[in-house]
Amino acid sequence: MMLYPAMSVLNSYIPNRYMLVTVVSRRARQIAEEAEANGTRLDEKPVTMAINEVAEGKLSAVQDEAETPETAE
């Protein structure tokens, strides 16, 4: 089974799989909520978009922790 992007690429930004799942799921929820609020249709699934953001280096575990106070409000 081929996984794209490769786990080695994703792990270079987020150190372990559990943390990766947490970061990706949180970002996927944000993407889905933003799309619903704006009434836009997504071409890809929110999880796919979030994983691609990690692979591109746009998301990391450090950023995720920094965003926690905003989501707590």
PDB file of N, CA and C in Angstrom:
ATOM      1  N   MET A   1       0.850  -1.179   0.000  1.00  0.00           N
ATOM      2  CA  MET A   1       0.000   0.000   0.000  1.00  0.00           C
ATOM      3  C   MET A   1       0.892   1.238   0.000  1.00  0.00           C
ATOM      4  N   MET A   2       0.610   2.155  -0.888  1.00  0.00           N
ATOM      5  CA  MET A   2       1.377   3.382  -1.018  1.00  0.00           C
ATOM      6  C   MET A   2       0.636   4.495  -0.298  1.00  0.00           C
ATOM      7  N   LEU A   3       1.357   5.262   0.482  1.00  0.00           N
ATOM      8  CA  LEU A   3       0.759   6.366   1.221  1.00  0.00           C
ATOM      9  C   LEU A   3       1.392   7.655   0.738  1.00  0.00           C
ATOM     10  N   TYR A   4       0.576   8.583   0.290  1.00  0.00           N
ATOM     11  CA  TYR A   4       1.090   9.877  -0.104  1.00  0.00           C
ATOM     12  C   TYR A   4       0.388  10.944   0.697  1.00  0.00           C
ATOM     13  N   PRO A   5       1.075  11.838   1.265  1.00  0.00           N
ATOM     14  CA  PRO A   5       2.531  11.914   1.367  1.00  0.00           C
ATOM     15  C   PRO A   5       3.070  10.849   2.316  1.00  0.00           C
ATOM     16  N   ALA A   6       4.325  10.549   2.159  1.00  0.00           N
ATOM     17  CA  ALA A   6       4.954   9.486   2.946  1.00  0.00           C
ATOM     18  C   ALA A   6       5.002   9.857   4.424  1.00  0.00           C
ATOM     19  N   MET A   7       4.910   8.842   5.279  1.00  0.00           N
ATOM     20  CA  MET A   7       4.969   9.079   6.725  1.00  0.00           C
ATOM     21  C   MET A   7       6.276   9.738   7.128  1.00  0.00           C
ATOM     22  N   SER A   8       7.358   9.431   6.446  1.00  0.00           N
ATOM     23  CA  SER A   8       8.645  10.038   6.792  1.00  0.00           C
ATOM     24  C   SER A   8       8.607  11.548   6.577  1.00  0.00           C
ATOM     25  N   VAL A   9       7.899  11.993   5.551  1.00  0.00           N
ATOM     26  CA  VAL A   9       7.752  13.436   5.306  1.00  0.00           C
ATOM     27  C   VAL A   9       6.898  14.056   6.398  1.00  0.00           C
ATOM     28  N   LEU A  10       5.784  13.416   6.722  1.00  0.00           N
ATOM     29  CA  LEU A  10       4.898  13.946   7.757  1.00  0.00           C
ATOM     30  C   LEU A  10       5.587  13.957   9.111  1.00  0.00           C
ATOM     31  N   ASN A  11       6.352  12.901   9.417  1.00  0.00           N
ATOM     32  CA  ASN A  11       7.050  12.822  10.699  1.00  0.00           C
ATOM     33  C   ASN A  11       8.192  13.817  10.811  1.00  0.00           C
ATOM     34  N   SER A  12       8.653  14.362   9.703  1.00  0.00           N
ATOM     35  CA  SER A  12       9.686  15.394   9.786  1.00  0.00           C
ATOM     36  C   SER A  12       9.120  16.689  10.357  1.00  0.00           C
ATOM     37  N   TYR A  13       7.814  16.889  10.247  1.00  0.00           N
ATOM     38  CA  TYR A  13       7.159  18.071  10.797  1.00  0.00           C
ATOM     39  C   TYR A  13       6.496  17.809  12.144  1.00  0.00           C
ATOM     40  N   ILE A  14       5.955  16.608  12.298  1.00  0.00           N
ATOM     41  CA  ILE A  14       5.273  16.234  13.543  1.00  0.00           C
ATOM     42  C   ILE A  14       5.881  14.915  14.004  1.00  0.00           C
ATOM     43  N   PRO A  15       6.469  14.889  15.205  1.00  0.00           N
ATOM     44  CA  PRO A  15       7.329  13.783  15.621  1.00  0.00           C
ATOM     45  C   PRO A  15       6.694  12.399  15.791  1.00  0.00           C
ATOM     46  N   ASN A  16       5.435  12.293  16.164  1.00  0.00           N
ATOM     47  CA  ASN A  16       4.870  10.950  16.339  1.00  0.00           C
ATOM     48  C   ASN A  16       3.472  10.863  15.744  1.00  0.00           C
ATOM     49  N   ARG A  17       3.021   9.635  15.527  1.00  0.00           N
ATOM     50  CA  ARG A  17       1.750   9.410  14.835  1.00  0.00           C
ATOM     51  C   ARG A  17       0.543   9.913  15.620  1.00  0.00           C
ATOM     52  N   TYR A  18       0.566   9.743  16.921  1.00  0.00           N
ATOM     53  CA  TYR A  18      -0.569  10.203  17.732  1.00  0.00           C
ATOM     54  C   TYR A  18      -0.726  11.711  17.603  1.00  0.00           C
ATOM     55  N   MET A  19       0.372  12.420  17.709  1.00  0.00           N
ATOM     56  CA  MET A  19       0.324  13.873  17.590  1.00  0.00           C
ATOM     57  C   MET A  19      -0.107  14.281  16.179  1.00  0.00           C
ATOM     58  N   LEU A  20       0.337  13.532  15.164  1.00  0.00           N
ATOM     59  CA  LEU A  20      -0.055  13.803  13.785  1.00  0.00           C
ATOM     60  C   LEU A  20      -1.566  13.680  13.621  1.00  0.00           C
ATOM     61  N   VAL A  21      -2.136  12.621  14.174  1.00  0.00           N
ATOM     62  CA  VAL A  21      -3.583  12.426  14.084  1.00  0.00           C
ATOM     63  C   VAL A  21      -4.326  13.575  14.772  1.00  0.00           C
ATOM     64  N   THR A  22      -3.824  14.001  15.909  1.00  0.00           N
ATOM     65  CA  THR A  22      -4.454  15.095  16.647  1.00  0.00           C
ATOM     66  C   THR A  22      -4.417  16.395  15.851  1.00  0.00           C
ATOM     67  N   VAL A  23      -3.259  16.722  15.306  1.00  0.00           N
ATOM     68  CA  VAL A  23      -3.100  17.961  14.538  1.00  0.00           C
ATOM     69  C   VAL A  23      -3.958  17.932  13.279  1.00  0.00           C
ATOM     70  N   VAL A  24      -3.919  16.825  12.555  1.00  0.00           N
ATOM     71  CA  VAL A  24      -4.675  16.718  11.306  1.00  0.00           C
ATOM     72  C   VAL A  24      -6.179  16.750  11.571  1.00  0.00           C
ATOM     73  N   SER A  25      -6.638  16.051  12.589  1.00  0.00           N
ATOM     74  CA  SER A  25      -8.079  16.044  12.857  1.00  0.00           C
ATOM     75  C   SER A  25      -8.583  17.418  13.285  1.00  0.00           C
ATOM     76  N   ARG A  26      -7.803  18.112  14.093  1.00  0.00           N
ATOM     77  CA  ARG A  26      -8.206  19.461  14.521  1.00  0.00           C
ATOM     78  C   ARG A  26      -8.277  20.411  13.325  1.00  0.00           C
ATOM     79  N   ARG A  27      -7.269  20.344  12.464  1.00  0.00           N
ATOM     80  CA  ARG A  27      -7.244  21.221  11.285  1.00  0.00           C
ATOM     81  C   ARG A  27      -8.351  20.842  10.311  1.00  0.00           C
ATOM     82  N   ALA A  28      -8.633  19.560  10.146  1.00  0.00           N
ATOM     83  CA  ALA A  28      -9.704  19.123   9.249  1.00  0.00           C
ATOM     84  C   ALA A  28     -11.056  19.648   9.729  1.00  0.00           C
ATOM     85  N   ARG A  29     -11.267  19.629  11.036  1.00  0.00           N
ATOM     86  CA  ARG A  29     -12.506  20.194  11.581  1.00  0.00           C
ATOM     87  C   ARG A  29     -12.604  21.681  11.301  1.00  0.00           C
ATOM     88  N   GLN A  30     -11.486  22.390  11.437  1.00  0.00           N
ATOM     89  CA  GLN A  30     -11.476  23.829  11.151  1.00  0.00           C
ATOM     90  C   GLN A  30     -11.811  24.089   9.684  1.00  0.00           C
ATOM     91  N   ILE A  31     -11.212  23.318   8.793  1.00  0.00           N
ATOM     92  CA  ILE A  31     -11.475  23.484   7.363  1.00  0.00           C
ATOM     93  C   ILE A  31     -12.945  23.235   7.057  1.00  0.00           C
ATOM     94  N   ALA A  32     -13.506  22.169   7.604  1.00  0.00           N
ATOM     95  CA  ALA A  32     -14.912  21.836   7.362  1.00  0.00           C
ATOM     96  C   ALA A  32     -15.845  22.911   7.915  1.00  0.00           C
ATOM     97  N   GLU A  33     -15.550  23.406   9.114  1.00  0.00           N
ATOM     98  CA  GLU A  33     -16.384  24.447   9.719  1.00  0.00           C
ATOM     99  C   GLU A  33     -16.315  25.749   8.928  1.00  0.00           C
ATOM    100  N   GLU A  34     -15.122  26.118   8.460  1.00  0.00           N
ATOM    101  CA  GLU A  34     -14.968  27.335   7.663  1.00  0.00           C
ATOM    102  C   GLU A  34     -15.730  27.220   6.345  1.00  0.00           C
ATOM    103  N   ALA A  35     -15.657  26.064   5.707  1.00  0.00           N
ATOM    104  CA  ALA A  35     -16.356  25.851   4.443  1.00  0.00           C
ATOM    105  C   ALA A  35     -17.866  25.915   4.643  1.00  0.00           C
ATOM    106  N   GLU A  36     -18.340  25.329   5.729  1.00  0.00           N
ATOM    107  CA  GLU A  36     -19.776  25.359   6.004  1.00  0.00           C
ATOM    108  C   GLU A  36     -20.247  26.771   6.317  1.00  0.00           C
ATOM    109  N   ALA A  37     -19.472  27.508   7.091  1.00  0.00           N
ATOM    110  CA  ALA A  37     -19.842  28.872   7.457  1.00  0.00           C
ATOM    111  C   ALA A  37     -19.855  29.792   6.232  1.00  0.00           C
ATOM    112  N   ASN A  38     -18.915  29.565   5.307  1.00  0.00           N
ATOM    113  CA  ASN A  38     -18.835  30.400   4.108  1.00  0.00           C
ATOM    114  C   ASN A  38     -19.728  29.907   2.986  1.00  0.00           C
ATOM    115  N   GLY A  39     -20.259  28.713   3.138  1.00  0.00           N
ATOM    116  CA  GLY A  39     -21.104  28.129   2.105  1.00  0.00           C
ATOM    117  C   GLY A  39     -20.322  27.699   0.876  1.00  0.00           C
ATOM    118  N   THR A  40     -19.036  27.393   1.054  1.00  0.00           N
ATOM    119  CA  THR A  40     -18.224  26.962  -0.079  1.00  0.00           C
ATOM    120  C   THR A  40     -18.193  25.444  -0.169  1.00  0.00           C
ATOM    121  N   ARG A  41     -18.008  24.965  -1.388  1.00  0.00           N
ATOM    122  CA  ARG A  41     -17.917  23.526  -1.636  1.00  0.00           C
ATOM    123  C   ARG A  41     -16.445  23.162  -1.732  1.00  0.00           C
ATOM    124  N   LEU A  42     -16.038  22.133  -1.035  1.00  0.00           N
ATOM    125  CA  LEU A  42     -14.651  21.695  -1.039  1.00  0.00           C
ATOM    126  C   LEU A  42     -14.425  20.675  -2.147  1.00  0.00           C
ATOM    127  N   ASP A  43     -13.317  20.825  -2.864  1.00  0.00           N
ATOM    128  CA  ASP A  43     -12.973  19.873  -3.925  1.00  0.00           C
ATOM    129  C   ASP A  43     -12.352  18.600  -3.359  1.00  0.00           C
ATOM    130  N   GLU A  44     -11.701  18.721  -2.209  1.00  0.00           N
ATOM    131  CA  GLU A  44     -11.077  17.579  -1.540  1.00  0.00           C
ATOM    132  C   GLU A  44     -11.690  17.430  -0.160  1.00  0.00           C
ATOM    133  N   LYS A  45     -11.486  16.276   0.427  1.00  0.00           N
ATOM    134  CA  LYS A  45     -11.954  16.062   1.794  1.00  0.00           C
ATOM    135  C   LYS A  45     -11.090  16.882   2.747  1.00  0.00           C
ATOM    136  N   PRO A  46     -11.676  17.364   3.849  1.00  0.00           N
ATOM    137  CA  PRO A  46     -10.919  18.177   4.804  1.00  0.00           C
ATOM    138  C   PRO A  46      -9.681  17.470   5.365  1.00  0.00           C
ATOM    139  N   VAL A  47      -9.755  16.161   5.582  1.00  0.00           N
ATOM    140  CA  VAL A  47      -8.607  15.418   6.108  1.00  0.00           C
ATOM    141  C   VAL A  47      -7.461  15.434   5.098  1.00  0.00           C
ATOM    142  N   THR A  48      -7.781  15.244   3.830  1.00  0.00           N
ATOM    143  CA  THR A  48      -6.760  15.279   2.781  1.00  0.00           C
ATOM    144  C   THR A  48      -6.102  16.648   2.732  1.00  0.00           C
ATOM    145  N   MET A  49      -6.899  17.693   2.828  1.00  0.00           N
ATOM    146  CA  MET A  49      -6.354  19.048   2.804  1.00  0.00           C
ATOM    147  C   MET A  49      -5.438  19.289   3.999  1.00  0.00           C
ATOM    148  N   ALA A  50      -5.829  18.810   5.166  1.00  0.00           N
ATOM    149  CA  ALA A  50      -5.023  18.994   6.372  1.00  0.00           C
ATOM    150  C   ALA A  50      -3.707  18.222   6.279  1.00  0.00           C
ATOM    151  N   ILE A  51      -3.748  17.001   5.769  1.00  0.00           N
ATOM    152  CA  ILE A  51      -2.523  16.210   5.611  1.00  0.00           C
ATOM    153  C   ILE A  51      -1.575  16.893   4.634  1.00  0.00           C
ATOM    154  N   ASN A  52      -2.127  17.432   3.555  1.00  0.00           N
ATOM    155  CA  ASN A  52      -1.282  18.129   2.586  1.00  0.00           C
ATOM    156  C   ASN A  52      -0.650  19.381   3.194  1.00  0.00           C
ATOM    157  N   GLU A  53      -1.372  20.067   4.077  1.00  0.00           N
ATOM    158  CA  GLU A  53      -0.806  21.222   4.759  1.00  0.00           C
ATOM    159  C   GLU A  53       0.374  20.815   5.639  1.00  0.00           C
ATOM    160  N   VAL A  54       0.271  19.684   6.294  1.00  0.00           N
ATOM    161  CA  VAL A  54       1.393  19.184   7.105  1.00  0.00           C
ATOM    162  C   VAL A  54       2.572  18.862   6.197  1.00  0.00           C
ATOM    163  N   ALA A  55       2.320  18.179   5.088  1.00  0.00           N
ATOM    164  CA  ALA A  55       3.387  17.790   4.167  1.00  0.00           C
ATOM    165  C   ALA A  55       4.089  18.995   3.560  1.00  0.00           C
ATOM    166  N   GLU A  56       3.363  20.099   3.401  1.00  0.00           N
ATOM    167  CA  GLU A  56       3.943  21.321   2.852  1.00  0.00           C
ATOM    168  C   GLU A  56       4.643  22.159   3.915  1.00  0.00           C
ATOM    169  N   GLY A  57       4.549  21.730   5.170  1.00  0.00           N
ATOM    170  CA  GLY A  57       5.205  22.458   6.249  1.00  0.00           C
ATOM    171  C   GLY A  57       4.392  23.611   6.798  1.00  0.00           C
ATOM    172  N   LYS A  58       3.115  23.702   6.427  1.00  0.00           N
ATOM    173  CA  LYS A  58       2.259  24.782   6.906  1.00  0.00           C
ATOM    174  C   LYS A  58       1.767  24.537   8.322  1.00  0.00           C
ATOM    175  N   LEU A  59       1.720  23.276   8.755  1.00  0.00           N
ATOM    176  CA  LEU A  59       1.269  22.915  10.095  1.00  0.00           C
ATOM    177  C   LEU A  59       2.355  22.139  10.806  1.00  0.00           C
ATOM    178  N   SER A  60       2.477  22.379  12.081  1.00  0.00           N
ATOM    179  CA  SER A  60       3.382  21.581  12.905  1.00  0.00           C
ATOM    180  C   SER A  60       2.763  21.453  14.285  1.00  0.00           C
ATOM    181  N   ALA A  61       3.336  20.619  15.106  1.00  0.00           N
ATOM    182  CA  ALA A  61       2.808  20.425  16.456  1.00  0.00           C
ATOM    183  C   ALA A  61       2.968  21.686  17.285  1.00  0.00           C
ATOM    184  N   VAL A  62       4.010  22.467  17.031  1.00  0.00           N
ATOM    185  CA  VAL A  62       4.237  23.702  17.780  1.00  0.00           C
ATOM    186  C   VAL A  62       3.155  24.713  17.461  1.00  0.00           C
ATOM    187  N   GLN A  63       2.792  24.866  16.186  1.00  0.00           N
ATOM    188  CA  GLN A  63       1.720  25.773  15.807  1.00  0.00           C
ATOM    189  C   GLN A  63       0.408  25.331  16.422  1.00  0.00           C
ATOM    190  N   ASP A  64       0.181  24.035  16.441  1.00  0.00           N
ATOM    191  CA  ASP A  64      -1.058  23.492  16.993  1.00  0.00           C
ATOM    192  C   ASP A  64      -1.215  23.886  18.460  1.00  0.00           C
ATOM    193  N   GLU A  65      -0.146  23.777  19.241  1.00  0.00           N
ATOM    194  CA  GLU A  65      -0.201  24.146  20.646  1.00  0.00           C
ATOM    195  C   GLU A  65      -0.421  25.643  20.808  1.00  0.00           C
ATOM    196  N   ALA A  66       0.135  26.451  19.910  1.00  0.00           N
ATOM    197  CA  ALA A  66      -0.031  27.896  19.983  1.00  0.00           C
ATOM    198  C   ALA A  66      -1.466  28.291  19.678  1.00  0.00           C
ATOM    199  N   GLU A  67      -2.182  27.503  18.882  1.00  0.00           N
ATOM    200  CA  GLU A  67      -3.552  27.824  18.523  1.00  0.00           C
ATOM    201  C   GLU A  67      -4.557  27.379  19.580  1.00  0.00           C
ATOM    202  N   THR A  68      -4.139  26.619  20.544  1.00  0.00           N
ATOM    203  CA  THR A  68      -5.055  26.062  21.543  1.00  0.00           C
ATOM    204  C   THR A  68      -5.859  27.130  22.285  1.00  0.00           C
ATOM    205  N   PRO A  69      -5.291  28.254  22.744  1.00  0.00           N
ATOM    206  CA  PRO A  69      -6.108  29.241  23.454  1.00  0.00           C
ATOM    207  C   PRO A  69      -7.240  29.803  22.596  1.00  0.00           C
ATOM    208  N   GLU A  70      -7.037  29.959  21.297  1.00  0.00           N
ATOM    209  CA  GLU A  70      -8.084  30.475  20.428  1.00  0.00           C
ATOM    210  C   GLU A  70      -9.262  29.511  20.353  1.00  0.00           C
ATOM    211  N   THR A  71      -8.955  28.226  20.285  1.00  0.00           N
ATOM    212  CA  THR A  71     -10.027  27.247  20.166  1.00  0.00           C
ATOM    213  C   THR A  71     -10.739  27.015  21.487  1.00  0.00           C
ATOM    214  N   ALA A  72     -10.122  27.429  22.586  1.00  0.00           N
ATOM    215  CA  ALA A  72     -10.723  27.231  23.902  1.00  0.00           C
ATOM    216  C   ALA A  72     -11.809  28.262  24.209  1.00  0.00           C
ATOM    217  N   GLU A  73     -11.800  29.368  23.445  1.00  0.00           N
ATOM    218  CA  GLU A  73     -12.778  30.440  23.705  1.00  0.00           C
ATOM    219  C   GLU A  73     -14.164  30.077  23.358  1.00  0.00           C
TER     220      GLU A  73
END
